[in-house]
C-alpha atoms as a PDB file:
ATOM      1  CA  UNK A   1     -14.334  -7.376 -11.246  1.00  0.00           C
ATOM      2  CA  UNK A   2     -12.532  -4.056 -11.259  1.00  0.00           C
ATOM      3  CA  UNK A   3     -11.962  -4.054  -7.517  1.00  0.00           C
ATOM      4  CA  UNK A   4      -9.846  -7.252  -7.486  1.00  0.00           C
ATOM      5  CA  UNK A   5      -6.117  -6.558  -7.916  1.00  0.00           C
ATOM      6  CA  UNK A   6      -3.659  -9.010  -9.444  1.00  0.00           C
ATOM      7  CA  UNK A   7      -0.742  -8.229  -7.105  1.00  0.00           C
ATOM      8  CA  UNK A   8       0.164  -6.275  -4.005  1.00  0.00           C
ATOM      9  CA  UNK A   9       2.039  -3.818  -6.246  1.00  0.00           C
ATOM     10  CA  UNK A  10      -1.131  -3.152  -8.262  1.00  0.00           C
ATOM     11  CA  UNK A  11      -3.069  -2.627  -5.034  1.00  0.00           C
ATOM     12  CA  UNK A  12      -0.442  -0.128  -3.813  1.00  0.00           C
ATOM     13  CA  UNK A  13      -0.567   1.817  -7.089  1.00  0.00           C
ATOM     14  CA  UNK A  14      -4.374   1.961  -6.984  1.00  0.00           C
ATOM     15  CA  UNK A  15      -4.371   3.169  -3.356  1.00  0.00           C
ATOM     16  CA  UNK A  16      -1.772   5.843  -4.192  1.00  0.00           C
ATOM     17  CA  UNK A  17      -3.842   7.009  -7.172  1.00  0.00           C
ATOM     18  CA  UNK A  18      -7.091   7.116  -5.210  1.00  0.00           C
ATOM     19  CA  UNK A  19      -5.478   8.960  -2.292  1.00  0.00           C
ATOM     20  CA  UNK A  20      -3.371  11.490  -4.157  1.00  0.00           C
ATOM     21  CA  UNK A  21      -5.706  12.272  -7.074  1.00  0.00           C
ATOM     22  CA  UNK A  22      -9.178  11.753  -5.638  1.00  0.00           C
ATOM     23  CA  UNK A  23      -8.863  12.329  -1.880  1.00  0.00           C
ATOM     24  CA  UNK A  24      -9.522   8.802  -0.566  1.00  0.00           C
ATOM     25  CA  UNK A  25      -7.465   9.312   2.597  1.00  0.00           C
ATOM     26  CA  UNK A  26      -9.357   7.073   5.041  1.00  0.00           C
ATOM     27  CA  UNK A  27      -8.500   3.365   4.858  1.00  0.00           C
ATOM     28  CA  UNK A  28      -9.866   0.286   6.617  1.00  0.00           C
ATOM     29  CA  UNK A  29      -7.733  -2.807   6.123  1.00  0.00           C
ATOM     30  CA  UNK A  30      -9.027  -6.327   6.754  1.00  0.00           C
ATOM     31  CA  UNK A  31      -8.665  -9.987   5.879  1.00  0.00           C
ATOM     32  CA  UNK A  32     -11.275 -12.379   4.569  1.00  0.00           C
ATOM     33  CA  UNK A  33     -11.239 -15.608   6.628  1.00  0.00           C
ATOM     34  CA  UNK A  34     -10.158 -18.686   4.654  1.00  0.00           C
ATOM     35  CA  UNK A  35     -13.448 -20.512   5.283  1.00  0.00           C
ATOM     36  CA  UNK A  36     -15.557 -17.689   3.748  1.00  0.00           C
ATOM     37  CA  UNK A  37     -16.396 -17.127   0.092  1.00  0.00           C
ATOM     38  CA  UNK A  38     -14.558 -13.946  -1.053  1.00  0.00           C
ATOM     39  CA  UNK A  39     -17.282 -12.969  -3.554  1.00  0.00           C
ATOM     40  CA  UNK A  40     -19.974 -13.067  -0.865  1.00  0.00           C
ATOM     41  CA  UNK A  41     -17.815 -10.990   1.488  1.00  0.00           C
ATOM     42  CA  UNK A  42     -17.138  -8.523  -1.355  1.00  0.00           C
ATOM     43  CA  UNK A  43     -20.867  -8.041  -2.000  1.00  0.00           C
ATOM     44  CA  UNK A  44     -21.689  -7.782   1.700  1.00  0.00           C
ATOM     45  CA  UNK A  45     -19.068  -5.086   2.375  1.00  0.00           C
ATOM     46  CA  UNK A  46     -19.952  -3.127  -0.763  1.00  0.00           C
ATOM     47  CA  UNK A  47     -23.641  -3.030   0.195  1.00  0.00           C
ATOM     48  CA  UNK A  48     -22.985  -2.362   3.892  1.00  0.00           C
ATOM     49  CA  UNK A  49     -20.710   0.646   3.299  1.00  0.00           C
ATOM     50  CA  UNK A  50     -22.407   2.068   0.204  1.00  0.00           C
ATOM     51  CA  UNK A  51     -19.740   1.450  -2.405  1.00  0.00           C
ATOM     52  CA  UNK A  52     -21.111   3.071  -5.553  1.00  0.00           C
ATOM     53  CA  UNK A  53     -20.236   1.786  -8.997  1.00  0.00           C
ATOM     54  CA  UNK A  54     -22.112   4.588 -10.756  1.00  0.00           C
ATOM     55  CA  UNK A  55     -19.804   7.632 -10.862  1.00  0.00           C
ATOM     56  CA  UNK A  56     -22.586  10.189 -11.278  1.00  0.00           C
ATOM     57  CA  UNK A  57     -24.549   8.797  -8.355  1.00  0.00           C
ATOM     58  CA  UNK A  58     -21.397   8.893  -6.217  1.00  0.00           C
ATOM     59  CA  UNK A  59     -20.751  12.509  -7.237  1.00  0.00           C
ATOM     60  CA  UNK A  60     -24.304  13.577  -6.310  1.00  0.00           C
ATOM     61  CA  UNK A  61     -24.022  11.864  -2.934  1.00  0.00           C
ATOM     62  CA  UNK A  62     -20.604  13.464  -2.345  1.00  0.00           C
ATOM     63  CA  UNK A  63     -22.062  16.946  -2.979  1.00  0.00           C
ATOM     64  CA  UNK A  64     -24.595  16.189  -0.230  1.00  0.00           C
ATOM     65  CA  UNK A  65     -21.722  15.541   2.220  1.00  0.00           C
ATOM     66  CA  UNK A  66     -21.759  11.757   1.967  1.00  0.00           C
ATOM     67  CA  UNK A  67     -18.306  10.186   1.692  1.00  0.00           C
ATOM     68  CA  UNK A  68     -17.395   8.281  -1.449  1.00  0.00           C
ATOM     69  CA  UNK A  69     -16.259   4.741  -0.612  1.00  0.00           C
ATOM     70  CA  UNK A  70     -14.141   2.396  -2.755  1.00  0.00           C
ATOM     71  CA  UNK A  71     -13.492  -1.297  -2.194  1.00  0.00           C
ATOM     72  CA  UNK A  72     -10.280  -3.056  -3.307  1.00  0.00           C
ATOM     73  CA  UNK A  73      -9.139  -6.626  -2.749  1.00  0.00           C
ATOM     74  CA  UNK A  74      -5.972  -8.630  -3.357  1.00  0.00           C
ATOM     75  CA  UNK A  75      -6.227 -12.313  -2.433  1.00  0.00           C
ATOM     76  CA  UNK A  76      -7.707 -12.284   1.085  1.00  0.00           C
ATOM     77  CA  UNK A  77      -6.675  -8.691   1.923  1.00  0.00           C
ATOM     78  CA  UNK A  78      -9.355  -6.054   1.407  1.00  0.00           C
ATOM     79  CA  UNK A  79      -9.249  -2.285   1.710  1.00  0.00           C
ATOM     80  CA  UNK A  80     -12.136   0.123   2.104  1.00  0.00           C
ATOM     81  CA  UNK A  81     -11.098   3.647   1.119  1.00  0.00           C
ATOM     82  CA  UNK A  82     -13.213   6.723   1.805  1.00  0.00           C
ATOM     83  CA  UNK A  83     -13.147  10.446   1.173  1.00  0.00           C
ATOM     84  CA  UNK A  84     -14.060  13.001   3.837  1.00  0.00           C
ATOM     85  CA  UNK A  85     -17.770  13.109   4.637  1.00  0.00           C
ATOM     86  CA  UNK A  86     -20.476  11.077   6.365  1.00  0.00           C
ATOM     87  CA  UNK A  87     -20.452   7.301   6.014  1.00  0.00           C
ATOM     88  CA  UNK A  88     -21.367   4.218   8.057  1.00  0.00           C
ATOM     89  CA  UNK A  89     -17.706   3.300   7.628  1.00  0.00           C
ATOM     90  CA  UNK A  90     -16.713   6.024  10.092  1.00  0.00           C
ATOM     91  CA  UNK A  91     -19.251   4.893  12.714  1.00  0.00           C
ATOM     92  CA  UNK A  92     -18.578   1.142  12.556  1.00  0.00           C
ATOM     93  CA  UNK A  93     -14.866   0.975  11.749  1.00  0.00           C
ATOM     94  CA  UNK A  94     -11.784   2.934  12.695  1.00  0.00           C
ATOM     95  CA  UNK A  95     -10.245   4.031   9.416  1.00  0.00           C
ATOM     96  CA  UNK A  96      -6.584   5.017   9.253  1.00  0.00           C
ATOM     97  CA  UNK A  97      -6.037   8.514   7.885  1.00  0.00           C
ATOM     98  CA  UNK A  98      -3.207   8.215   5.351  1.00  0.00           C
ATOM     99  CA  UNK A  99      -2.253  11.822   6.058  1.00  0.00           C
ATOM    100  CA  UNK A 100      -1.418  10.874   9.658  1.00  0.00           C
ATOM    101  CA  UNK A 101      -0.481   7.169   9.666  1.00  0.00           C
ATOM    102  CA  UNK A 102       0.776   4.724   7.045  1.00  0.00           C
ATOM    103  CA  UNK A 103      -1.112   1.594   6.042  1.00  0.00           C
ATOM    104  CA  UNK A 104       0.782  -1.625   5.318  1.00  0.00           C
ATOM    105  CA  UNK A 105       0.002  -3.449   2.065  1.00  0.00           C
ATOM    106  CA  UNK A 106       2.089  -6.564   1.460  1.00  0.00           C
ATOM    107  CA  UNK A 107       5.751  -5.528   1.588  1.00  0.00           C
ATOM    108  CA  UNK A 108       4.963  -1.806   1.316  1.00  0.00           C
ATOM    109  CA  UNK A 109       3.688   1.028   3.478  1.00  0.00           C
ATOM    110  CA  UNK A 110       1.656   3.857   1.962  1.00  0.00           C
ATOM    111  CA  UNK A 111       0.938   7.288   3.375  1.00  0.00           C
ATOM    112  CA  UNK A 112       0.312  10.831   2.161  1.00  0.00           C
ATOM    113  CA  UNK A 113       2.686  13.598   3.273  1.00  0.00           C
ATOM    114  CA  UNK A 114       1.817  17.200   2.336  1.00  0.00           C
ATOM    115  CA  UNK A 115      -0.578  15.938  -0.329  1.00  0.00           C
ATOM    116  CA  UNK A 116       2.052  13.710  -1.977  1.00  0.00           C
ATOM    117  CA  UNK A 117       2.073   9.913  -1.776  1.00  0.00           C
ATOM    118  CA  UNK A 118       4.919   8.205   0.063  1.00  0.00           C
ATOM    119  CA  UNK A 119       5.525   4.525  -0.631  1.00  0.00           C
ATOM    120  CA  UNK A 120       8.286   2.615   1.142  1.00  0.00           C
ATOM    121  CA  UNK A 121       9.201  -0.951   1.932  1.00  0.00           C
ATOM    122  CA  UNK A 122       7.601  -2.004   5.219  1.00  0.00           C
ATOM    123  CA  UNK A 123      10.033  -2.130   8.148  1.00  0.00           C
ATOM    124  CA  UNK A 124      10.019  -5.933   8.148  1.00  0.00           C
ATOM    125  CA  UNK A 125      10.662  -6.163   4.400  1.00  0.00           C
ATOM    126  CA  UNK A 126      13.389  -3.490   4.527  1.00  0.00           C
ATOM    127  CA  UNK A 127      15.248  -5.239   7.362  1.00  0.00           C
ATOM    128  CA  UNK A 128      14.956  -8.622   5.633  1.00  0.00           C
ATOM    129  CA  UNK A 129      16.284  -7.210   2.349  1.00  0.00           C
ATOM    130  CA  UNK A 130      19.083  -5.260   4.074  1.00  0.00           C
ATOM    131  CA  UNK A 131      20.201  -8.247   6.134  1.00  0.00           C
ATOM    132  CA  UNK A 132      20.106 -10.524   3.100  1.00  0.00           C
ATOM    133  CA  UNK A 133      22.207  -8.135   1.004  1.00  0.00           C
ATOM    134  CA  UNK A 134      24.717  -7.341   3.747  1.00  0.00           C
ATOM    135  CA  UNK A 135      25.103 -11.043   4.620  1.00  0.00           C
ATOM    136  CA  UNK A 136      26.232 -11.707   1.055  1.00  0.00           C
ATOM    137  CA  UNK A 137      28.202  -8.451   0.754  1.00  0.00           C
ATOM    138  CA  UNK A 138      31.418 -10.071  -0.447  1.00  0.00           C
ATOM    139  CA  UNK A 139      29.783 -12.083  -3.205  1.00  0.00           C
ATOM    140  CA  UNK A 140      28.456 -10.851  -6.565  1.00  0.00           C
ATOM    141  CA  UNK A 141      25.014 -12.047  -5.416  1.00  0.00           C
ATOM    142  CA  UNK A 142      24.571  -8.811  -3.393  1.00  0.00           C
ATOM    143  CA  UNK A 143      24.488  -6.674  -6.554  1.00  0.00           C
ATOM    144  CA  UNK A 144      21.740  -8.867  -7.989  1.00  0.00           C
ATOM    145  CA  UNK A 145      19.723  -8.578  -4.779  1.00  0.00           C
ATOM    146  CA  UNK A 146      19.834  -4.785  -5.057  1.00  0.00           C
ATOM    147  CA  UNK A 147      18.110  -5.093  -8.429  1.00  0.00           C
ATOM    148  CA  UNK A 148      14.958  -6.516  -6.817  1.00  0.00           C
ATOM    149  CA  UNK A 149      11.719  -5.896  -8.697  1.00  0.00           C
ATOM    150  CA  UNK A 150      10.172  -2.879  -7.031  1.00  0.00           C
ATOM    151  CA  UNK A 151       7.719  -0.082  -7.479  1.00  0.00           C
ATOM    152  CA  UNK A 152       9.159   3.182  -8.767  1.00  0.00           C
ATOM    153  CA  UNK A 153       8.592   5.479  -5.821  1.00  0.00           C
ATOM    154  CA  UNK A 154      11.023   7.914  -4.263  1.00  0.00           C
ATOM    155  CA  UNK A 155      10.831   6.344  -0.779  1.00  0.00           C
ATOM    156  CA  UNK A 156      11.738   2.891  -2.086  1.00  0.00           C
ATOM    157  CA  UNK A 157      14.559   4.339  -4.173  1.00  0.00           C
ATOM    158  CA  UNK A 158      15.963   6.102  -1.076  1.00  0.00           C
ATOM    159  CA  UNK A 159      15.801   2.904   0.967  1.00  0.00           C
ATOM    160  CA  UNK A 160      17.672   0.950  -1.715  1.00  0.00           C
ATOM    161  CA  UNK A 161      20.313   3.697  -1.984  1.00  0.00           C
ATOM    162  CA  UNK A 162      20.812   3.515   1.801  1.00  0.00           C
ATOM    163  CA  UNK A 163      21.358  -0.253   1.593  1.00  0.00           C
ATOM    164  CA  UNK A 164      23.740   0.255  -1.338  1.00  0.00           C
ATOM    165  CA  UNK A 165      25.823   2.729   0.719  1.00  0.00           C
ATOM    166  CA  UNK A 166      25.961   0.229   3.617  1.00  0.00           C
ATOM    167  CA  UNK A 167      27.041  -2.469   1.167  1.00  0.00           C
ATOM    168  CA  UNK A 168      29.840  -0.292  -0.265  1.00  0.00           C
ATOM    169  CA  UNK A 169      31.064   0.604   3.247  1.00  0.00           C
ATOM    170  CA  UNK A 170      31.146  -3.049   4.296  1.00  0.00           C
ATOM    171  CA  UNK A 171      33.004  -4.045   1.123  1.00  0.00           C
ATOM    172  CA  UNK A 172      35.493  -1.217   1.541  1.00  0.00           C
ATOM    173  CA  UNK A 173      36.250  -2.222   5.150  1.00  0.00           C
ATOM    174  CA  UNK A 174      36.815  -5.810   4.002  1.00  0.00           C
ATOM    175  CA  UNK A 175      39.175  -4.656   1.231  1.00  0.00           C
ATOM    176  CA  UNK A 176      36.896  -6.074  -1.439  1.00  0.00           C
ATOM    177  CA  UNK A 177      37.761  -5.185  -5.043  1.00  0.00           C
ATOM    178  CA  UNK A 178      35.531  -6.098  -7.957  1.00  0.00           C
END
């Protein structure tokens, strides 16, 4: 199943690729209830919103003004992504336009600014990471926390640099020498 992602990071990368390269800017985010079978929900949503697996068929429909719709899932989180055009998705759901508002996926937020993808840690994740690093500022553990596994995006890099500057300032005020 090509639409099932192995991690939240993989889901983020696929959303960024679809949005920046192929124009899938409209996103509906939802959760599959624990008591429901994910495969049945997958099929139901794909049929309901016209998710096409055949690329040529999707291209012909897109030329007629019908939006292309993609379906992605990671665990119980699913995303429906659509291009501009007509679709039942726009009548029945309220998709978020990535060009105007970010969408949260796991510990990340994704949006498109001036046609370029912007991926950052979500506010909750950023605060948790910052507080954790600054709480252990005077121990060598803080340096290891800064080397967290992360996606290679400019926004995430900037956030980590900001935390690193805060860490250096706090260490300097405390007279810490390595």
